PDB file of all heavy atoms in Angstrom:
ATOM      1  N   LEU A   1       0.835  -1.207  -0.004  1.00  0.00           N
ATOM      2  CA  LEU A   1       0.014   0.019   0.001  1.00  0.00           C
ATOM      3  C   LEU A   1       0.897   1.252   0.011  1.00  0.00           C
ATOM      4  O   LEU A   1       0.590   2.242  -0.695  1.00  0.00           O
ATOM      5  CB  LEU A   1      -0.905  -0.038   1.224  1.00  0.00           C
ATOM      6  CG  LEU A   1      -1.969   1.114   1.321  1.00  0.00           C
ATOM      7  CD1 LEU A   1      -2.829   1.114   0.086  1.00  0.00           C
ATOM      8  CD2 LEU A   1      -2.770   1.005   2.588  1.00  0.00           C
ATOM      9  N   ARG A   2       1.979   1.233   0.757  1.00  0.00           N
ATOM     10  CA  ARG A   2       2.896   2.380   0.772  1.00  0.00           C
ATOM     11  C   ARG A   2       3.532   2.592  -0.615  1.00  0.00           C
ATOM     12  O   ARG A   2       3.726   3.692  -1.067  1.00  0.00           O
ATOM     13  CB  ARG A   2       3.974   2.165   1.834  1.00  0.00           C
ATOM     14  CG  ARG A   2       3.471   2.366   3.245  1.00  0.00           C
ATOM     15  CD  ARG A   2       4.560   1.965   4.223  1.00  0.00           C
ATOM     16  NE  ARG A   2       4.123   2.244   5.599  1.00  0.00           N
ATOM     17  CZ  ARG A   2       4.807   1.812   6.670  1.00  0.00           C
ATOM     18  NH1 ARG A   2       5.903   1.057   6.533  1.00  0.00           N
ATOM     19  NH2 ARG A   2       4.368   2.119   7.897  1.00  0.00           N
ATOM     20  N   ASP A   3       3.865   1.455  -1.276  1.00  0.00           N
ATOM     21  CA  ASP A   3       4.423   1.541  -2.603  1.00  0.00           C
ATOM     22  C   ASP A   3       3.423   2.184  -3.599  1.00  0.00           C
ATOM     23  O   ASP A   3       3.839   2.977  -4.453  1.00  0.00           O
ATOM     24  CB  ASP A   3       4.829   0.155  -3.144  1.00  0.00           C
ATOM     25  CG  ASP A   3       6.023  -0.425  -2.376  1.00  0.00           C
ATOM     26  OD1 ASP A   3       6.762   0.393  -1.748  1.00  0.00           O
ATOM     27  OD2 ASP A   3       6.205  -1.667  -2.410  1.00  0.00           O
ATOM     28  N   VAL A   4       2.176   1.809  -3.475  1.00  0.00           N
ATOM     29  CA  VAL A   4       1.162   2.449  -4.354  1.00  0.00           C
ATOM     30  C   VAL A   4       1.054   3.896  -4.089  1.00  0.00           C
ATOM     31  O   VAL A   4       0.975   4.715  -5.042  1.00  0.00           O
ATOM     32  CB  VAL A   4      -0.206   1.720  -4.136  1.00  0.00           C
ATOM     33  CG1 VAL A   4      -1.321   2.501  -4.909  1.00  0.00           C
ATOM     34  CG2 VAL A   4      -0.143   0.292  -4.615  1.00  0.00           C
ATOM     35  N   VAL A   5       1.044   4.329  -2.810  1.00  0.00           N
ATOM     36  CA  VAL A   5       1.009   5.720  -2.504  1.00  0.00           C
ATOM     37  C   VAL A   5       2.218   6.466  -3.030  1.00  0.00           C
ATOM     38  O   VAL A   5       2.100   7.573  -3.581  1.00  0.00           O
ATOM     39  CB  VAL A   5       0.935   5.918  -0.937  1.00  0.00           C
ATOM     40  CG1 VAL A   5       1.027   7.374  -0.563  1.00  0.00           C
ATOM     41  CG2 VAL A   5      -0.431   5.354  -0.446  1.00  0.00           C
ATOM     42  N   ARG A   6       3.402   5.824  -2.898  1.00  0.00           N
ATOM     43  CA  ARG A   6       4.619   6.506  -3.441  1.00  0.00           C
ATOM     44  C   ARG A   6       4.524   6.647  -4.951  1.00  0.00           C
ATOM     45  O   ARG A   6       5.076   7.570  -5.508  1.00  0.00           O
ATOM     46  CB  ARG A   6       5.859   5.650  -3.065  1.00  0.00           C
ATOM     47  CG  ARG A   6       6.237   5.770  -1.579  1.00  0.00           C
ATOM     48  CD  ARG A   6       7.601   5.147  -1.346  1.00  0.00           C
ATOM     49  NE  ARG A   6       7.938   5.148   0.032  1.00  0.00           N
ATOM     50  CZ  ARG A   6       7.782   4.083   0.848  1.00  0.00           C
ATOM     51  NH1 ARG A   6       7.314   2.942   0.355  1.00  0.00           N
ATOM     52  NH2 ARG A   6       8.095   4.159   2.122  1.00  0.00           N
ATOM     53  N   SER A   7       3.871   5.668  -5.621  1.00  0.00           N
ATOM     54  CA  SER A   7       3.790   5.789  -7.091  1.00  0.00           C
ATOM     55  C   SER A   7       2.851   6.891  -7.529  1.00  0.00           C
ATOM     56  O   SER A   7       2.895   7.338  -8.667  1.00  0.00           O
ATOM     57  CB  SER A   7       3.242   4.454  -7.650  1.00  0.00           C
ATOM     58  OG  SER A   7       1.913   4.218  -7.307  1.00  0.00           O
ATOM     59  N   ILE A   8       1.957   7.328  -6.607  1.00  0.00           N
ATOM     60  CA  ILE A   8       1.103   8.471  -6.944  1.00  0.00           C
ATOM     61  C   ILE A   8       1.872   9.785  -6.752  1.00  0.00           C
ATOM     62  O   ILE A   8       1.895  10.648  -7.590  1.00  0.00           O
ATOM     63  CB  ILE A   8      -0.150   8.452  -6.059  1.00  0.00           C
ATOM     64  CG1 ILE A   8      -0.956   7.142  -6.347  1.00  0.00           C
ATOM     65  CG2 ILE A   8      -1.030   9.690  -6.338  1.00  0.00           C
ATOM     66  CD1 ILE A   8      -2.109   6.940  -5.424  1.00  0.00           C
ATOM     67  N   TYR A   9       2.500   9.944  -5.583  1.00  0.00           N
ATOM     68  CA  TYR A   9       3.333  11.124  -5.355  1.00  0.00           C
ATOM     69  C   TYR A   9       4.383  10.724  -4.319  1.00  0.00           C
ATOM     70  O   TYR A   9       4.105  10.563  -3.158  1.00  0.00           O
ATOM     71  CB  TYR A   9       2.529  12.302  -4.778  1.00  0.00           C
ATOM     72  CG  TYR A   9       3.353  13.572  -4.681  1.00  0.00           C
ATOM     73  CD1 TYR A   9       3.619  14.362  -5.802  1.00  0.00           C
ATOM     74  CD2 TYR A   9       3.905  13.931  -3.452  1.00  0.00           C
ATOM     75  CE1 TYR A   9       4.355  15.498  -5.657  1.00  0.00           C
ATOM     76  CE2 TYR A   9       4.655  15.082  -3.343  1.00  0.00           C
ATOM     77  CZ  TYR A   9       4.907  15.884  -4.470  1.00  0.00           C
ATOM     78  OH  TYR A   9       5.668  16.997  -4.352  1.00  0.00           O
ATOM     79  N   PRO A  10       5.611  10.554  -4.733  1.00  0.00           N
ATOM     80  CA  PRO A  10       6.652  10.036  -3.854  1.00  0.00           C
ATOM     81  C   PRO A  10       6.839  11.035  -2.677  1.00  0.00           C
ATOM     82  O   PRO A  10       7.057  12.238  -2.936  1.00  0.00           O
ATOM     83  CB  PRO A  10       7.892   9.966  -4.718  1.00  0.00           C
ATOM     84  CG  PRO A  10       7.365   9.858  -6.123  1.00  0.00           C
ATOM     85  CD  PRO A  10       6.100  10.667  -6.124  1.00  0.00           C
ATOM     86  N   PRO A  11       6.875  10.568  -1.468  1.00  0.00           N
ATOM     87  CA  PRO A  11       7.125  11.454  -0.311  1.00  0.00           C
ATOM     88  C   PRO A  11       8.448  12.169  -0.367  1.00  0.00           C
ATOM     89  O   PRO A  11       8.615  13.254   0.165  1.00  0.00           O
ATOM     90  CB  PRO A  11       7.044  10.509   0.900  1.00  0.00           C
ATOM     91  CG  PRO A  11       6.245   9.343   0.441  1.00  0.00           C
ATOM     92  CD  PRO A  11       6.564   9.196  -1.024  1.00  0.00           C
ATOM     93  N   ILE A  12       9.453  11.572  -1.085  1.00  0.00           N
ATOM     94  CA  ILE A  12      10.776  12.188  -1.134  1.00  0.00           C
ATOM     95  C   ILE A  12      10.723  13.539  -1.851  1.00  0.00           C
ATOM     96  O   ILE A  12      11.543  14.402  -1.565  1.00  0.00           O
ATOM     97  CB  ILE A  12      11.783  11.214  -1.821  1.00  0.00           C
ATOM     98  CG1 ILE A  12      13.208  11.736  -1.608  1.00  0.00           C
ATOM     99  CG2 ILE A  12      11.450  11.059  -3.295  1.00  0.00           C
ATOM    100  CD1 ILE A  12      14.245  10.759  -2.085  1.00  0.00           C
ATOM    101  N   LEU A  13       9.722  13.720  -2.755  1.00  0.00           N
ATOM    102  CA  LEU A  13       9.584  14.987  -3.382  1.00  0.00           C
ATOM    103  C   LEU A  13       9.201  16.079  -2.406  1.00  0.00           C
ATOM    104  O   LEU A  13       9.681  17.195  -2.478  1.00  0.00           O
ATOM    105  CB  LEU A  13       8.527  14.933  -4.522  1.00  0.00           C
ATOM    106  CG  LEU A  13       8.976  14.176  -5.788  1.00  0.00           C
ATOM    107  CD1 LEU A  13       7.761  14.052  -6.717  1.00  0.00           C
ATOM    108  CD2 LEU A  13      10.112  14.865  -6.475  1.00  0.00           C
ATOM    109  N   SER A  14       8.329  15.738  -1.466  1.00  0.00           N
ATOM    110  CA  SER A  14       7.949  16.708  -0.431  1.00  0.00           C
ATOM    111  C   SER A  14       9.124  16.992   0.492  1.00  0.00           C
ATOM    112  O   SER A  14       9.311  18.144   0.979  1.00  0.00           O
ATOM    113  CB  SER A  14       6.751  16.182   0.369  1.00  0.00           C
ATOM    114  OG  SER A  14       5.644  16.004  -0.500  1.00  0.00           O
ATOM    115  N   ASP A  15       9.936  15.974   0.781  1.00  0.00           N
ATOM    116  CA  ASP A  15      10.993  16.142   1.772  1.00  0.00           C
ATOM    117  C   ASP A  15      12.226  16.805   1.181  1.00  0.00           C
ATOM    118  O   ASP A  15      12.796  17.700   1.823  1.00  0.00           O
ATOM    119  CB  ASP A  15      11.388  14.745   2.322  1.00  0.00           C
ATOM    120  CG  ASP A  15      10.248  14.037   3.035  1.00  0.00           C
ATOM    121  OD1 ASP A  15       9.308  14.747   3.477  1.00  0.00           O
ATOM    122  OD2 ASP A  15      10.271  12.814   3.107  1.00  0.00           O
ATOM    123  N   ARG A  16      12.639  16.410  -0.032  1.00  0.00           N
ATOM    124  CA  ARG A  16      13.911  16.868  -0.594  1.00  0.00           C
ATOM    125  C   ARG A  16      13.788  17.671  -1.834  1.00  0.00           C
ATOM    126  O   ARG A  16      14.808  18.182  -2.347  1.00  0.00           O
ATOM    127  CB  ARG A  16      14.825  15.670  -0.798  1.00  0.00           C
ATOM    128  CG  ARG A  16      15.127  14.896   0.468  1.00  0.00           C
ATOM    129  CD  ARG A  16      15.887  13.607   0.197  1.00  0.00           C
ATOM    130  NE  ARG A  16      17.152  13.847  -0.506  1.00  0.00           N
ATOM    131  CZ  ARG A  16      17.977  12.891  -0.849  1.00  0.00           C
ATOM    132  NH1 ARG A  16      17.698  11.611  -0.524  1.00  0.00           N
ATOM    133  NH2 ARG A  16      19.066  13.170  -1.485  1.00  0.00           N
ATOM    134  N   GLY A  17      12.608  17.823  -2.400  1.00  0.00           N
ATOM    135  CA  GLY A  17      12.498  18.550  -3.634  1.00  0.00           C
ATOM    136  C   GLY A  17      12.879  17.687  -4.824  1.00  0.00           C
ATOM    137  O   GLY A  17      13.369  16.575  -4.709  1.00  0.00           O
ATOM    138  N   LEU A  18      12.698  18.229  -6.040  1.00  0.00           N
ATOM    139  CA  LEU A  18      12.953  17.449  -7.235  1.00  0.00           C
ATOM    140  C   LEU A  18      14.432  17.128  -7.409  1.00  0.00           C
ATOM    141  O   LEU A  18      14.785  15.975  -7.766  1.00  0.00           O
ATOM    142  CB  LEU A  18      12.471  18.221  -8.494  1.00  0.00           C
ATOM    143  CG  LEU A  18      12.637  17.522  -9.842  1.00  0.00           C
ATOM    144  CD1 LEU A  18      11.967  16.162  -9.860  1.00  0.00           C
ATOM    145  CD2 LEU A  18      12.079  18.410 -10.968  1.00  0.00           C
ATOM    146  N   ASP A  19      15.320  18.099  -7.139  1.00  0.00           N
ATOM    147  CA  ASP A  19      16.720  17.792  -7.356  1.00  0.00           C
ATOM    148  C   ASP A  19      17.240  16.725  -6.369  1.00  0.00           C
ATOM    149  O   ASP A  19      18.031  15.845  -6.722  1.00  0.00           O
ATOM    150  CB  ASP A  19      17.563  19.094  -7.241  1.00  0.00           C
ATOM    151  CG  ASP A  19      17.137  19.931  -6.062  1.00  0.00           C
ATOM    152  OD1 ASP A  19      16.238  19.527  -5.347  1.00  0.00           O
ATOM    153  OD2 ASP A  19      17.729  21.012  -5.875  1.00  0.00           O
ATOM    154  N   GLY A  20      16.751  16.806  -5.120  1.00  0.00           N
ATOM    155  CA  GLY A  20      17.161  15.770  -4.149  1.00  0.00           C
ATOM    156  C   GLY A  20      16.603  14.427  -4.483  1.00  0.00           C
ATOM    157  O   GLY A  20      17.241  13.403  -4.328  1.00  0.00           O
ATOM    158  N   ALA A  21      15.332  14.375  -4.985  1.00  0.00           N
ATOM    159  CA  ALA A  21      14.722  13.110  -5.346  1.00  0.00           C
ATOM    160  C   ALA A  21      15.443  12.475  -6.552  1.00  0.00           C
ATOM    161  O   ALA A  21      15.636  11.254  -6.594  1.00  0.00           O
ATOM    162  CB  ALA A  21      13.216  13.332  -5.687  1.00  0.00           C
ATOM    163  N   VAL A  22      15.832  13.297  -7.531  1.00  0.00           N
ATOM    164  CA  VAL A  22      16.563  12.799  -8.692  1.00  0.00           C
ATOM    165  C   VAL A  22      17.926  12.252  -8.259  1.00  0.00           C
ATOM    166  O   VAL A  22      18.415  11.245  -8.767  1.00  0.00           O
ATOM    167  CB  VAL A  22      16.678  13.883  -9.774  1.00  0.00           C
ATOM    168  CG1 VAL A  22      17.608  13.433 -10.909  1.00  0.00           C
ATOM    169  CG2 VAL A  22      15.317  14.218 -10.330  1.00  0.00           C
ATOM    170  N   THR A  23      18.577  12.942  -7.321  1.00  0.00           N
ATOM    171  CA  THR A  23      19.862  12.469  -6.783  1.00  0.00           C
ATOM    172  C   THR A  23      19.691  11.072  -6.172  1.00  0.00           C
ATOM    173  O   THR A  23      20.519  10.181  -6.360  1.00  0.00           O
ATOM    174  CB  THR A  23      20.425  13.416  -5.779  1.00  0.00           C
ATOM    175  OG1 THR A  23      20.567  14.714  -6.396  1.00  0.00           O
ATOM    176  CG2 THR A  23      21.777  12.965  -5.245  1.00  0.00           C
ATOM    177  N   ALA A  24      18.590  10.883  -5.445  1.00  0.00           N
ATOM    178  CA  ALA A  24      18.348   9.591  -4.846  1.00  0.00           C
ATOM    179  C   ALA A  24      18.037   8.503  -5.876  1.00  0.00           C
ATOM    180  O   ALA A  24      18.510   7.355  -5.764  1.00  0.00           O
ATOM    181  CB  ALA A  24      17.128   9.685  -3.847  1.00  0.00           C
ATOM    182  N   LEU A  25      17.322   8.883  -6.931  1.00  0.00           N
ATOM    183  CA  LEU A  25      17.066   7.976  -8.048  1.00  0.00           C
ATOM    184  C   LEU A  25      18.365   7.500  -8.669  1.00  0.00           C
ATOM    185  O   LEU A  25      18.590   6.331  -8.954  1.00  0.00           O
ATOM    186  CB  LEU A  25      16.174   8.622  -9.119  1.00  0.00           C
ATOM    187  CG  LEU A  25      14.688   8.527  -8.990  1.00  0.00           C
ATOM    188  CD1 LEU A  25      14.020   9.278 -10.130  1.00  0.00           C
ATOM    189  CD2 LEU A  25      14.232   7.083  -8.985  1.00  0.00           C
ATOM    190  N   ALA A  26      19.270   8.484  -8.945  1.00  0.00           N
ATOM    191  CA  ALA A  26      20.543   8.128  -9.599  1.00  0.00           C
ATOM    192  C   ALA A  26      21.379   7.229  -8.701  1.00  0.00           C
ATOM    193  O   ALA A  26      22.075   6.337  -9.171  1.00  0.00           O
ATOM    194  CB  ALA A  26      21.289   9.425  -9.908  1.00  0.00           C
ATOM    195  N   ALA A  27      21.299   7.476  -7.378  1.00  0.00           N
ATOM    196  CA  ALA A  27      22.086   6.613  -6.476  1.00  0.00           C
ATOM    197  C   ALA A  27      21.588   5.162  -6.471  1.00  0.00           C
ATOM    198  O   ALA A  27      22.399   4.268  -6.261  1.00  0.00           O
ATOM    199  CB  ALA A  27      22.010   7.188  -5.054  1.00  0.00           C
ATOM    200  N   ARG A  28      20.314   4.948  -6.730  1.00  0.00           N
ATOM    201  CA  ARG A  28      19.790   3.556  -6.746  1.00  0.00           C
ATOM    202  C   ARG A  28      19.903   2.916  -8.131  1.00  0.00           C
ATOM    203  O   ARG A  28      19.654   1.735  -8.235  1.00  0.00           O
ATOM    204  CB  ARG A  28      18.291   3.580  -6.329  1.00  0.00           C
ATOM    205  CG  ARG A  28      18.060   3.998  -4.897  1.00  0.00           C
ATOM    206  CD  ARG A  28      16.701   3.635  -4.424  1.00  0.00           C
ATOM    207  NE  ARG A  28      15.654   4.205  -5.265  1.00  0.00           N
ATOM    208  CZ  ARG A  28      15.068   5.411  -5.037  1.00  0.00           C
ATOM    209  NH1 ARG A  28      15.416   6.112  -3.955  1.00  0.00           N
ATOM    210  NH2 ARG A  28      14.093   5.858  -5.832  1.00  0.00           N
ATOM    211  N   CYS A  29      20.259   3.708  -9.144  1.00  0.00           N
ATOM    212  CA  CYS A  29      20.334   3.117 -10.493  1.00  0.00           C
ATOM    213  C   CYS A  29      21.518   2.134 -10.629  1.00  0.00           C
ATOM    214  O   CYS A  29      22.631   2.456 -10.174  1.00  0.00           O
ATOM    215  CB  CYS A  29      20.489   4.283 -11.526  1.00  0.00           C
ATOM    216  SG  CYS A  29      20.486   3.704 -13.239  1.00  0.00           S
ATOM    217  N   PRO A  30      21.321   0.995 -11.214  1.00  0.00           N
ATOM    218  CA  PRO A  30      22.423   0.026 -11.361  1.00  0.00           C
ATOM    219  C   PRO A  30      23.531   0.530 -12.276  1.00  0.00           C
ATOM    220  O   PRO A  30      24.693   0.090 -12.131  1.00  0.00           O
ATOM    221  CB  PRO A  30      21.731  -1.222 -11.981  1.00  0.00           C
ATOM    222  CG  PRO A  30      20.273  -1.087 -11.659  1.00  0.00           C
ATOM    223  CD  PRO A  30      20.028   0.389 -11.663  1.00  0.00           C
ATOM    224  N   ILE A  31      23.224   1.425 -13.179  1.00  0.00           N
ATOM    225  CA  ILE A  31      24.225   2.005 -14.091  1.00  0.00           C
ATOM    226  C   ILE A  31      24.819   3.247 -13.459  1.00  0.00           C
ATOM    227  O   ILE A  31      24.058   4.072 -12.905  1.00  0.00           O
ATOM    228  CB  ILE A  31      23.598   2.331 -15.466  1.00  0.00           C
ATOM    229  CG1 ILE A  31      22.904   1.114 -16.070  1.00  0.00           C
ATOM    230  CG2 ILE A  31      24.624   2.905 -16.406  1.00  0.00           C
ATOM    231  CD1 ILE A  31      22.200   1.444 -17.334  1.00  0.00           C
ATOM    232  N   PRO A  32      26.127   3.406 -13.463  1.00  0.00           N
ATOM    233  CA  PRO A  32      26.714   4.630 -12.897  1.00  0.00           C
ATOM    234  C   PRO A  32      26.125   5.901 -13.581  1.00  0.00           C
ATOM    235  O   PRO A  32      26.059   5.952 -14.770  1.00  0.00           O
ATOM    236  CB  PRO A  32      28.194   4.479 -13.211  1.00  0.00           C
ATOM    237  CG  PRO A  32      28.419   3.023 -13.334  1.00  0.00           C
ATOM    238  CD  PRO A  32      27.155   2.454 -13.953  1.00  0.00           C
ATOM    239  N   CYS A  33      25.692   6.839 -12.730  1.00  0.00           N
ATOM    240  CA  CYS A  33      25.060   8.054 -13.256  1.00  0.00           C
ATOM    241  C   CYS A  33      25.933   9.248 -13.006  1.00  0.00           C
ATOM    242  O   CYS A  33      26.513   9.434 -11.903  1.00  0.00           O
ATOM    243  CB  CYS A  33      23.704   8.255 -12.564  1.00  0.00           C
ATOM    244  SG  CYS A  33      22.407   7.064 -13.050  1.00  0.00           S
ATOM    245  N   VAL A  34      26.005  10.117 -14.000  1.00  0.00           N
ATOM    246  CA  VAL A  34      26.639  11.417 -13.879  1.00  0.00           C
ATOM    247  C   VAL A  34      25.558  12.480 -13.815  1.00  0.00           C
ATOM    248  O   VAL A  34      24.756  12.572 -14.715  1.00  0.00           O
ATOM    249  CB  VAL A  34      27.582  11.687 -15.027  1.00  0.00           C
ATOM    250  CG1 VAL A  34      28.226  13.062 -14.933  1.00  0.00           C
ATOM    251  CG2 VAL A  34      28.666  10.629 -15.153  1.00  0.00           C
ATOM    252  N   LEU A  35      25.546  13.261 -12.758  1.00  0.00           N
ATOM    253  CA  LEU A  35      24.455  14.247 -12.580  1.00  0.00           C
ATOM    254  C   LEU A  35      24.953  15.620 -12.944  1.00  0.00           C
ATOM    255  O   LEU A  35      26.040  16.008 -12.627  1.00  0.00           O
ATOM    256  CB  LEU A  35      24.011  14.238 -11.117  1.00  0.00           C
ATOM    257  CG  LEU A  35      23.349  12.938 -10.604  1.00  0.00           C
ATOM    258  CD1 LEU A  35      22.978  13.084  -9.134  1.00  0.00           C
ATOM    259  CD2 LEU A  35      22.167  12.584 -11.453  1.00  0.00           C
ATOM    260  N   ALA A  36      24.078  16.325 -13.671  1.00  0.00           N
ATOM    261  CA  ALA A  36      24.356  17.756 -14.009  1.00  0.00           C
ATOM    262  C   ALA A  36      23.081  18.484 -13.618  1.00  0.00           C
ATOM    263  O   ALA A  36      22.234  18.832 -14.498  1.00  0.00           O
ATOM    264  CB  ALA A  36      24.690  17.930 -15.465  1.00  0.00           C
ATOM    265  N   ILE A  37      22.910  18.734 -12.346  1.00  0.00           N
ATOM    266  CA  ILE A  37      21.659  19.296 -11.822  1.00  0.00           C
ATOM    267  C   ILE A  37      21.969  20.733 -11.292  1.00  0.00           C
ATOM    268  O   ILE A  37      22.838  20.913 -10.435  1.00  0.00           O
ATOM    269  CB  ILE A  37      21.065  18.445 -10.714  1.00  0.00           C
ATOM    270  CG1 ILE A  37      20.775  17.057 -11.252  1.00  0.00           C
ATOM    271  CG2 ILE A  37      19.808  19.063 -10.160  1.00  0.00           C
ATOM    272  CD1 ILE A  37      20.249  16.092 -10.198  1.00  0.00           C
ATOM    273  N   SER A  38      21.265  21.703 -11.793  1.00  0.00           N
ATOM    274  CA  SER A  38      21.377  23.051 -11.255  1.00  0.00           C
ATOM    275  C   SER A  38      20.236  23.278 -10.278  1.00  0.00           C
ATOM    276  O   SER A  38      19.182  22.717 -10.405  1.00  0.00           O
ATOM    277  CB  SER A  38      21.320  24.084 -12.389  1.00  0.00           C
ATOM    278  OG  SER A  38      20.081  23.958 -13.125  1.00  0.00           O
ATOM    279  N   PRO A  39      20.467  24.097  -9.250  1.00  0.00           N
ATOM    280  CA  PRO A  39      19.387  24.363  -8.264  1.00  0.00           C
ATOM    281  C   PRO A  39      18.153  24.936  -8.958  1.00  0.00           C
ATOM    282  O   PRO A  39      18.236  25.974  -9.672  1.00  0.00           O
ATOM    283  CB  PRO A  39      20.024  25.395  -7.322  1.00  0.00           C
ATOM    284  CG  PRO A  39      21.505  25.205  -7.492  1.00  0.00           C
ATOM    285  CD  PRO A  39      21.697  24.841  -8.916  1.00  0.00           C
ATOM    286  N   ILE A  40      17.025  24.259  -8.835  1.00  0.00           N
ATOM    287  CA  ILE A  40      15.839  24.710  -9.531  1.00  0.00           C
ATOM    288  C   ILE A  40      14.729  25.153  -8.590  1.00  0.00           C
ATOM    289  O   ILE A  40      13.683  25.626  -9.053  1.00  0.00           O
ATOM    290  CB  ILE A  40      15.304  23.576 -10.474  1.00  0.00           C
ATOM    291  CG1 ILE A  40      14.913  22.369  -9.650  1.00  0.00           C
ATOM    292  CG2 ILE A  40      16.339  23.207 -11.525  1.00  0.00           C
ATOM    293  CD1 ILE A  40      14.236  21.315 -10.497  1.00  0.00           C
ATOM    294  N   GLY A  41      14.937  24.979  -7.288  1.00  0.00           N
ATOM    295  CA  GLY A  41      13.927  25.445  -6.340  1.00  0.00           C
ATOM    296  C   GLY A  41      12.699  24.536  -6.418  1.00  0.00           C
ATOM    297  O   GLY A  41      12.669  23.509  -7.112  1.00  0.00           O
TER     298      GLY A  41
END
């Protein structure tokens, strides 16, 4: 049920914003990720 809720709106977006959530996504990706993220508010 928590997974379904996260698929609607991930709580990490509320906690860390889009740039922080994308950083977490890249950290979990099996392929090494290079991030070029500018602060977007």
